[in-house]
Amino acid sequence: MIAQALALATGSAPFAFLLSSGNGSLSQAVRAGERWVVRRFNDTAHLADDLSRVGVPLT
């Protein structure tokens, strides 16, 4: 559903955003009058770097 909303907002192909977003990423589309603007896509800045490490023991 997020991919569909972003595709509609940008006028792109229906599946343009489907395979590009990562788990836990943020995407934001805002409406400005009659126009939609994608402010961010696949934003992972809010995630800690150590979440992507494999084999790190829990503390």
PDB file of N, CA and C in Angstrom:
ATOM      1  N   MET A   1       0.818  -1.186   0.000  1.00  0.00           N
ATOM      2  CA  MET A   1       0.000   0.000   0.000  1.00  0.00           C
ATOM      3  C   MET A   1       0.875   1.268   0.000  1.00  0.00           C
ATOM      4  N   ILE A   2       1.989   1.256   0.699  1.00  0.00           N
ATOM      5  CA  ILE A   2       2.895   2.415   0.714  1.00  0.00           C
ATOM      6  C   ILE A   2       3.471   2.633  -0.674  1.00  0.00           C
ATOM      7  N   ALA A   3       3.888   1.561  -1.323  1.00  0.00           N
ATOM      8  CA  ALA A   3       4.447   1.666  -2.671  1.00  0.00           C
ATOM      9  C   ALA A   3       3.418   2.245  -3.633  1.00  0.00           C
ATOM     10  N   GLN A   4       2.186   1.837  -3.500  1.00  0.00           N
ATOM     11  CA  GLN A   4       1.118   2.341  -4.365  1.00  0.00           C
ATOM     12  C   GLN A   4       0.902   3.829  -4.145  1.00  0.00           C
ATOM     13  N   ALA A   5       0.878   4.273  -2.890  1.00  0.00           N
ATOM     14  CA  ALA A   5       0.682   5.693  -2.580  1.00  0.00           C
ATOM     15  C   ALA A   5       1.823   6.545  -3.125  1.00  0.00           C
ATOM     16  N   LEU A   6       3.058   6.079  -2.994  1.00  0.00           N
ATOM     17  CA  LEU A   6       4.200   6.828  -3.507  1.00  0.00           C
ATOM     18  C   LEU A   6       4.212   6.868  -5.028  1.00  0.00           C
ATOM     19  N   ALA A   7       3.809   5.773  -5.659  1.00  0.00           N
ATOM     20  CA  ALA A   7       3.727   5.745  -7.121  1.00  0.00           C
ATOM     21  C   ALA A   7       2.671   6.730  -7.617  1.00  0.00           C
ATOM     22  N   LEU A   8       1.538   6.778  -6.947  1.00  0.00           N
ATOM     23  CA  LEU A   8       0.499   7.736  -7.321  1.00  0.00           C
ATOM     24  C   LEU A   8       0.964   9.172  -7.105  1.00  0.00           C
ATOM     25  N   ALA A   9       1.665   9.411  -6.003  1.00  0.00           N
ATOM     26  CA  ALA A   9       2.138  10.763  -5.682  1.00  0.00           C
ATOM     27  C   ALA A   9       3.150  11.271  -6.705  1.00  0.00           C
ATOM     28  N   THR A  10       3.962  10.376  -7.233  1.00  0.00           N
ATOM     29  CA  THR A  10       5.012  10.799  -8.170  1.00  0.00           C
ATOM     30  C   THR A  10       4.630  10.604  -9.623  1.00  0.00           C
ATOM     31  N   GLY A  11       3.537   9.900  -9.874  1.00  0.00           N
ATOM     32  CA  GLY A  11       3.136   9.636 -11.243  1.00  0.00           C
ATOM     33  C   GLY A  11       3.987   8.567 -11.909  1.00  0.00           C
ATOM     34  N   SER A  12       4.654   7.750 -11.117  1.00  0.00           N
ATOM     35  CA  SER A  12       5.527   6.711 -11.663  1.00  0.00           C
ATOM     36  C   SER A  12       4.756   5.413 -11.891  1.00  0.00           C
ATOM     37  N   ALA A  13       5.469   4.418 -12.376  1.00  0.00           N
ATOM     38  CA  ALA A  13       4.869   3.104 -12.614  1.00  0.00           C
ATOM     39  C   ALA A  13       4.356   2.513 -11.297  1.00  0.00           C
ATOM     40  N   PRO A  14       3.305   1.699 -11.344  1.00  0.00           N
ATOM     41  CA  PRO A  14       2.694   1.175 -10.118  1.00  0.00           C
ATOM     42  C   PRO A  14       3.648   0.438  -9.178  1.00  0.00           C
ATOM     43  N   PHE A  15       4.663  -0.215  -9.702  1.00  0.00           N
ATOM     44  CA  PHE A  15       5.554  -0.990  -8.841  1.00  0.00           C
ATOM     45  C   PHE A  15       6.932  -0.361  -8.683  1.00  0.00           C
ATOM     46  N   ALA A  16       7.070   0.913  -8.977  1.00  0.00           N
ATOM     47  CA  ALA A  16       8.372   1.587  -8.932  1.00  0.00           C
ATOM     48  C   ALA A  16       8.993   1.585  -7.541  1.00  0.00           C
ATOM     49  N   PHE A  17       8.197   1.661  -6.508  1.00  0.00           N
ATOM     50  CA  PHE A  17       8.715   1.743  -5.137  1.00  0.00           C
ATOM     51  C   PHE A  17       8.627   0.418  -4.395  1.00  0.00           C
ATOM     52  N   LEU A  18       8.113  -0.603  -5.012  1.00  0.00           N
ATOM     53  CA  LEU A  18       7.830  -1.861  -4.317  1.00  0.00           C
ATOM     54  C   LEU A  18       9.067  -2.579  -3.803  1.00  0.00           C
ATOM     55  N   LEU A  19      10.101  -2.702  -4.601  1.00  0.00           N
ATOM     56  CA  LEU A  19      11.267  -3.499  -4.212  1.00  0.00           C
ATOM     57  C   LEU A  19      12.387  -2.675  -3.595  1.00  0.00           C
ATOM     58  N   SER A  20      12.209  -1.382  -3.468  1.00  0.00           N
ATOM     59  CA  SER A  20      13.310  -0.523  -3.052  1.00  0.00           C
ATOM     60  C   SER A  20      13.347  -0.192  -1.565  1.00  0.00           C
ATOM     61  N   SER A  21      12.270  -0.352  -0.844  1.00  0.00           N
ATOM     62  CA  SER A  21      12.256   0.075   0.552  1.00  0.00           C
ATOM     63  C   SER A  21      12.680  -1.049   1.493  1.00  0.00           C
ATOM     64  N   GLY A  22      13.446  -0.683   2.520  1.00  0.00           N
ATOM     65  CA  GLY A  22      13.932  -1.647   3.494  1.00  0.00           C
ATOM     66  C   GLY A  22      13.021  -1.765   4.697  1.00  0.00           C
ATOM     67  N   ASN A  23      13.146  -2.870   5.411  1.00  0.00           N
ATOM     68  CA  ASN A  23      12.368  -3.056   6.631  1.00  0.00           C
ATOM     69  C   ASN A  23      12.681  -1.961   7.635  1.00  0.00           C
ATOM     70  N   GLY A  24      11.658  -1.392   8.210  1.00  0.00           N
ATOM     71  CA  GLY A  24      11.824  -0.356   9.228  1.00  0.00           C
ATOM     72  C   GLY A  24      12.096   1.026   8.667  1.00  0.00           C
ATOM     73  N   SER A  25      12.134   1.159   7.352  1.00  0.00           N
ATOM     74  CA  SER A  25      12.404   2.469   6.760  1.00  0.00           C
ATOM     75  C   SER A  25      11.146   3.325   6.771  1.00  0.00           C
ATOM     76  N   LEU A  26      11.343   4.631   6.690  1.00  0.00           N
ATOM     77  CA  LEU A  26      10.239   5.585   6.668  1.00  0.00           C
ATOM     78  C   LEU A  26      10.125   6.209   5.295  1.00  0.00           C
ATOM     79  N   SER A  27       8.898   6.381   4.864  1.00  0.00           N
ATOM     80  CA  SER A  27       8.606   7.107   3.634  1.00  0.00           C
ATOM     81  C   SER A  27       7.531   8.125   3.978  1.00  0.00           C
ATOM     82  N   GLN A  28       7.603   9.301   3.365  1.00  0.00           N
ATOM     83  CA  GLN A  28       6.663  10.363   3.693  1.00  0.00           C
ATOM     84  C   GLN A  28       6.231  11.078   2.421  1.00  0.00           C
ATOM     85  N   ALA A  29       4.932  11.155   2.240  1.00  0.00           N
ATOM     86  CA  ALA A  29       4.352  11.924   1.147  1.00  0.00           C
ATOM     87  C   ALA A  29       3.405  12.940   1.763  1.00  0.00           C
ATOM     88  N   VAL A  30       3.477  14.178   1.325  1.00  0.00           N
ATOM     89  CA  VAL A  30       2.600  15.230   1.841  1.00  0.00           C
ATOM     90  C   VAL A  30       1.834  15.861   0.685  1.00  0.00           C
ATOM     91  N   ARG A  31       0.679  16.342   1.019  1.00  0.00           N
ATOM     92  CA  ARG A  31      -0.152  16.982   0.001  1.00  0.00           C
ATOM     93  C   ARG A  31      -0.030  18.489   0.169  1.00  0.00           C
ATOM     94  N   ALA A  32       0.301  19.162  -0.912  1.00  0.00           N
ATOM     95  CA  ALA A  32       0.407  20.620  -0.938  1.00  0.00           C
ATOM     96  C   ALA A  32      -0.588  21.127  -1.978  1.00  0.00           C
ATOM     97  N   GLY A  33      -1.768  21.464  -1.523  1.00  0.00           N
ATOM     98  CA  GLY A  33      -2.825  21.853  -2.463  1.00  0.00           C
ATOM     99  C   GLY A  33      -3.277  20.647  -3.246  1.00  0.00           C
ATOM    100  N   GLU A  34      -3.203  20.725  -4.553  1.00  0.00           N
ATOM    101  CA  GLU A  34      -3.579  19.612  -5.419  1.00  0.00           C
ATOM    102  C   GLU A  34      -2.406  18.701  -5.737  1.00  0.00           C
ATOM    103  N   ARG A  35      -1.244  19.035  -5.250  1.00  0.00           N
ATOM    104  CA  ARG A  35      -0.012  18.320  -5.599  1.00  0.00           C
ATOM    105  C   ARG A  35       0.475  17.457  -4.439  1.00  0.00           C
ATOM    106  N   TRP A  36       1.012  16.294  -4.733  1.00  0.00           N
ATOM    107  CA  TRP A  36       1.645  15.427  -3.747  1.00  0.00           C
ATOM    108  C   TRP A  36       3.155  15.524  -3.900  1.00  0.00           C
ATOM    109  N   VAL A  37       3.859  15.536  -2.782  1.00  0.00           N
ATOM    110  CA  VAL A  37       5.313  15.613  -2.789  1.00  0.00           C
ATOM    111  C   VAL A  37       5.861  14.497  -1.897  1.00  0.00           C
ATOM    112  N   VAL A  38       6.816  13.725  -2.411  1.00  0.00           N
ATOM    113  CA  VAL A  38       7.480  12.707  -1.596  1.00  0.00           C
ATOM    114  C   VAL A  38       8.639  13.394  -0.888  1.00  0.00           C
ATOM    115  N   ARG A  39       8.543  13.482   0.438  1.00  0.00           N
ATOM    116  CA  ARG A  39       9.570  14.159   1.228  1.00  0.00           C
ATOM    117  C   ARG A  39      10.740  13.252   1.554  1.00  0.00           C
ATOM    118  N   ARG A  40      10.443  11.983   1.813  1.00  0.00           N
ATOM    119  CA  ARG A  40      11.520  11.019   2.068  1.00  0.00           C
ATOM    120  C   ARG A  40      11.049   9.635   1.666  1.00  0.00           C
ATOM    121  N   PHE A  41      12.026   8.829   1.276  1.00  0.00           N
ATOM    122  CA  PHE A  41      11.748   7.460   0.848  1.00  0.00           C
ATOM    123  C   PHE A  41      12.879   6.562   1.316  1.00  0.00           C
ATOM    124  N   ASN A  42      12.525   5.449   1.924  1.00  0.00           N
ATOM    125  CA  ASN A  42      13.497   4.471   2.394  1.00  0.00           C
ATOM    126  C   ASN A  42      14.486   5.083   3.390  1.00  0.00           C
ATOM    127  N   ASP A  43      14.014   5.972   4.232  1.00  0.00           N
ATOM    128  CA  ASP A  43      14.845   6.669   5.217  1.00  0.00           C
ATOM    129  C   ASP A  43      15.074   5.759   6.424  1.00  0.00           C
ATOM    130  N   THR A  44      16.328   5.434   6.707  1.00  0.00           N
ATOM    131  CA  THR A  44      16.669   4.583   7.848  1.00  0.00           C
ATOM    132  C   THR A  44      17.540   5.311   8.874  1.00  0.00           C
ATOM    133  N   ALA A  45      17.563   6.634   8.826  1.00  0.00           N
ATOM    134  CA  ALA A  45      18.395   7.422   9.743  1.00  0.00           C
ATOM    135  C   ALA A  45      17.996   7.212  11.204  1.00  0.00           C
ATOM    136  N   HIS A  46      16.760   6.832  11.450  1.00  0.00           N
ATOM    137  CA  HIS A  46      16.290   6.630  12.819  1.00  0.00           C
ATOM    138  C   HIS A  46      16.742   5.291  13.408  1.00  0.00           C
ATOM    139  N   LEU A  47      17.280   4.415  12.594  1.00  0.00           N
ATOM    140  CA  LEU A  47      17.727   3.103  13.072  1.00  0.00           C
ATOM    141  C   LEU A  47      19.183   3.161  13.508  1.00  0.00           C
ATOM    142  N   ALA A  48      19.483   2.478  14.585  1.00  0.00           N
ATOM    143  CA  ALA A  48      20.865   2.414  15.068  1.00  0.00           C
ATOM    144  C   ALA A  48      21.709   1.573  14.120  1.00  0.00           C
ATOM    145  N   ASP A  49      22.955   1.957  13.942  1.00  0.00           N
ATOM    146  CA  ASP A  49      23.848   1.218  13.046  1.00  0.00           C
ATOM    147  C   ASP A  49      24.044  -0.227  13.475  1.00  0.00           C
ATOM    148  N   ASP A  50      24.040  -0.483  14.771  1.00  0.00           N
ATOM    149  CA  ASP A  50      24.325  -1.833  15.249  1.00  0.00           C
ATOM    150  C   ASP A  50      23.174  -2.811  15.007  1.00  0.00           C
ATOM    151  N   LEU A  51      22.032  -2.338  14.533  1.00  0.00           N
ATOM    152  CA  LEU A  51      20.925  -3.250  14.237  1.00  0.00           C
ATOM    153  C   LEU A  51      21.207  -4.113  13.022  1.00  0.00           C
ATOM    154  N   SER A  52      22.132  -3.707  12.187  1.00  0.00           N
ATOM    155  CA  SER A  52      22.405  -4.464  10.974  1.00  0.00           C
ATOM    156  C   SER A  52      23.531  -5.483  11.145  1.00  0.00           C
ATOM    157  N   ARG A  53      24.144  -5.508  12.304  1.00  0.00           N
ATOM    158  CA  ARG A  53      25.241  -6.461  12.533  1.00  0.00           C
ATOM    159  C   ARG A  53      24.691  -7.861  12.791  1.00  0.00           C
ATOM    160  N   VAL A  54      25.413  -8.831  12.336  1.00  0.00           N
ATOM    161  CA  VAL A  54      25.045 -10.220  12.549  1.00  0.00           C
ATOM    162  C   VAL A  54      25.957 -10.809  13.607  1.00  0.00           C
ATOM    163  N   GLY A  55      25.402 -11.542  14.530  1.00  0.00           N
ATOM    164  CA  GLY A  55      26.200 -12.233  15.533  1.00  0.00           C
ATOM    165  C   GLY A  55      26.615 -11.399  16.731  1.00  0.00           C
ATOM    166  N   VAL A  56      26.025 -10.237  16.902  1.00  0.00           N
ATOM    167  CA  VAL A  56      26.340  -9.397  18.061  1.00  0.00           C
ATOM    168  C   VAL A  56      25.521  -9.920  19.240  1.00  0.00           C
ATOM    169  N   PRO A  57      26.170 -10.249  20.359  1.00  0.00           N
ATOM    170  CA  PRO A  57      25.413 -10.787  21.509  1.00  0.00           C
ATOM    171  C   PRO A  57      24.511  -9.716  22.127  1.00  0.00           C
ATOM    172  N   LEU A  58      23.380 -10.164  22.610  1.00  0.00           N
ATOM    173  CA  LEU A  58      22.472  -9.257  23.316  1.00  0.00           C
ATOM    174  C   LEU A  58      23.049  -8.880  24.665  1.00  0.00           C
ATOM    175  N   THR A  59      22.834  -7.660  25.082  1.00  0.00           N
ATOM    176  CA  THR A  59      23.338  -7.216  26.405  1.00  0.00           C
ATOM    177  C   THR A  59      22.211  -6.938  27.348  1.00  0.00           C
TER     178      THR A  59
END
